[in-house]
Amino acid sequence: MKGGVHVSKARLIYIAVFVVLIVTALLPALAFLPDGMHDGGEI
């Protein structure tokens, strides 16, 4: 049982890190995409 809990905790941490990485990658992309399109359109 303790082993199962340990694996679950490790999985939760892994998922949390994965989510943080995705959010960190998406936030700048979402903020950059409209900016880049607007910049390209204006110039």
N, C-alpha and C. Protein backbone atom coordinates (compact mmCIF):
# COMPACT_ATOMS: atom_id res chain seq x y z
N MET A 1 0.85 -1.20 0.00
CA MET A 1 0.00 0.00 0.00
C MET A 1 0.89 1.26 0.00
N LYS A 2 1.92 1.21 0.84
CA LYS A 2 2.81 2.39 0.89
C LYS A 2 3.47 2.60 -0.47
N GLY A 3 3.86 1.50 -1.12
CA GLY A 3 4.48 1.61 -2.44
C GLY A 3 3.52 2.24 -3.43
N GLY A 4 2.24 1.80 -3.39
CA GLY A 4 1.25 2.36 -4.31
C GLY A 4 1.08 3.85 -4.08
N VAL A 5 1.04 4.27 -2.82
CA VAL A 5 0.89 5.69 -2.51
C VAL A 5 2.09 6.46 -3.04
N HIS A 6 3.28 5.87 -2.89
CA HIS A 6 4.51 6.52 -3.34
C HIS A 6 4.46 6.71 -4.86
N VAL A 7 4.02 5.67 -5.56
CA VAL A 7 3.94 5.75 -7.03
C VAL A 7 2.92 6.81 -7.43
N SER A 8 1.78 6.86 -6.72
CA SER A 8 0.75 7.85 -7.03
C SER A 8 1.29 9.27 -6.83
N LYS A 9 2.04 9.46 -5.74
CA LYS A 9 2.60 10.79 -5.46
C LYS A 9 3.60 11.17 -6.55
N ALA A 10 4.43 10.21 -6.94
CA ALA A 10 5.42 10.47 -8.00
C ALA A 10 4.70 10.81 -9.30
N ARG A 11 3.60 10.10 -9.56
CA ARG A 11 2.84 10.35 -10.80
C ARG A 11 2.22 11.73 -10.74
N LEU A 12 1.69 12.10 -9.59
CA LEU A 12 1.06 13.43 -9.44
C LEU A 12 2.10 14.52 -9.68
N ILE A 13 3.29 14.32 -9.13
CA ILE A 13 4.36 15.31 -9.31
C ILE A 13 4.74 15.38 -10.79
N TYR A 14 4.84 14.19 -11.44
CA TYR A 14 5.20 14.13 -12.86
C TYR A 14 4.16 14.87 -13.70
N ILE A 15 2.88 14.62 -13.39
CA ILE A 15 1.78 15.28 -14.12
C ILE A 15 1.82 16.79 -13.86
N ALA A 16 2.06 17.16 -12.62
CA ALA A 16 2.10 18.59 -12.27
C ALA A 16 3.22 19.29 -13.03
N VAL A 17 4.39 18.64 -13.09
CA VAL A 17 5.53 19.22 -13.82
C VAL A 17 5.18 19.33 -15.31
N PHE A 18 4.53 18.28 -15.83
CA PHE A 18 4.15 18.27 -17.25
C PHE A 18 3.18 19.42 -17.55
N VAL A 19 2.19 19.60 -16.66
CA VAL A 19 1.20 20.67 -16.85
C VAL A 19 1.89 22.03 -16.80
N VAL A 20 2.80 22.19 -15.86
CA VAL A 20 3.51 23.47 -15.72
C VAL A 20 4.32 23.75 -16.99
N LEU A 21 4.96 22.70 -17.52
CA LEU A 21 5.76 22.87 -18.75
C LEU A 21 4.86 23.26 -19.91
N ILE A 22 3.70 22.61 -20.02
CA ILE A 22 2.77 22.91 -21.12
C ILE A 22 2.27 24.36 -20.99
N VAL A 23 1.88 24.75 -19.77
CA VAL A 23 1.38 26.11 -19.54
C VAL A 23 2.48 27.12 -19.85
N THR A 24 3.70 26.82 -19.39
CA THR A 24 4.83 27.73 -19.63
C THR A 24 5.11 27.87 -21.12
N ALA A 25 4.89 26.78 -21.86
CA ALA A 25 5.14 26.81 -23.30
C ALA A 25 3.98 27.49 -24.04
N LEU A 26 2.76 27.30 -23.53
CA LEU A 26 1.58 27.85 -24.22
C LEU A 26 1.41 29.34 -23.96
N LEU A 27 1.62 29.78 -22.73
CA LEU A 27 1.39 31.19 -22.38
C LEU A 27 2.17 32.13 -23.30
N PRO A 28 3.49 31.97 -23.43
CA PRO A 28 4.24 32.87 -24.33
C PRO A 28 3.79 32.69 -25.78
N ALA A 29 3.47 31.46 -26.18
CA ALA A 29 3.04 31.20 -27.56
C ALA A 29 1.73 31.93 -27.83
N LEU A 30 0.78 31.83 -26.89
CA LEU A 30 -0.52 32.49 -27.07
C LEU A 30 -0.35 34.01 -27.08
N ALA A 31 0.57 34.53 -26.27
CA ALA A 31 0.79 35.97 -26.20
C ALA A 31 1.60 36.43 -27.41
N PHE A 32 2.44 35.53 -27.96
CA PHE A 32 3.32 35.89 -29.08
C PHE A 32 2.58 35.78 -30.41
N LEU A 33 1.72 34.77 -30.55
CA LEU A 33 1.03 34.54 -31.83
C LEU A 33 0.24 35.78 -32.28
N PRO A 34 -0.68 36.30 -31.46
CA PRO A 34 -1.43 37.49 -31.90
C PRO A 34 -0.51 38.69 -32.11
N ASP A 35 0.50 38.84 -31.25
CA ASP A 35 1.45 39.95 -31.38
C ASP A 35 2.19 39.83 -32.71
N GLY A 36 2.70 38.63 -32.99
CA GLY A 36 3.45 38.40 -34.22
C GLY A 36 2.57 38.65 -35.44
N MET A 37 1.34 38.14 -35.41
CA MET A 37 0.43 38.32 -36.55
C MET A 37 0.13 39.81 -36.72
N HIS A 38 -0.10 40.49 -35.61
CA HIS A 38 -0.42 41.92 -35.68
C HIS A 38 0.78 42.70 -36.20
N ASP A 39 1.96 42.35 -35.68
CA ASP A 39 3.18 43.03 -36.11
C ASP A 39 3.39 42.82 -37.61
N GLY A 40 3.27 41.55 -38.04
CA GLY A 40 3.46 41.22 -39.46
C GLY A 40 2.42 41.93 -40.31
N GLY A 41 1.19 41.99 -39.84
CA GLY A 41 0.11 42.64 -40.60
C GLY A 41 0.35 44.14 -40.72
N GLU A 42 0.81 44.76 -39.65
CA GLU A 42 1.04 46.21 -39.67
C GLU A 42 2.24 46.55 -40.52
N ILE A 43 3.30 45.73 -40.37
CA ILE A 43 4.53 46.00 -41.14
C ILE A 43 4.38 45.31 -42.49
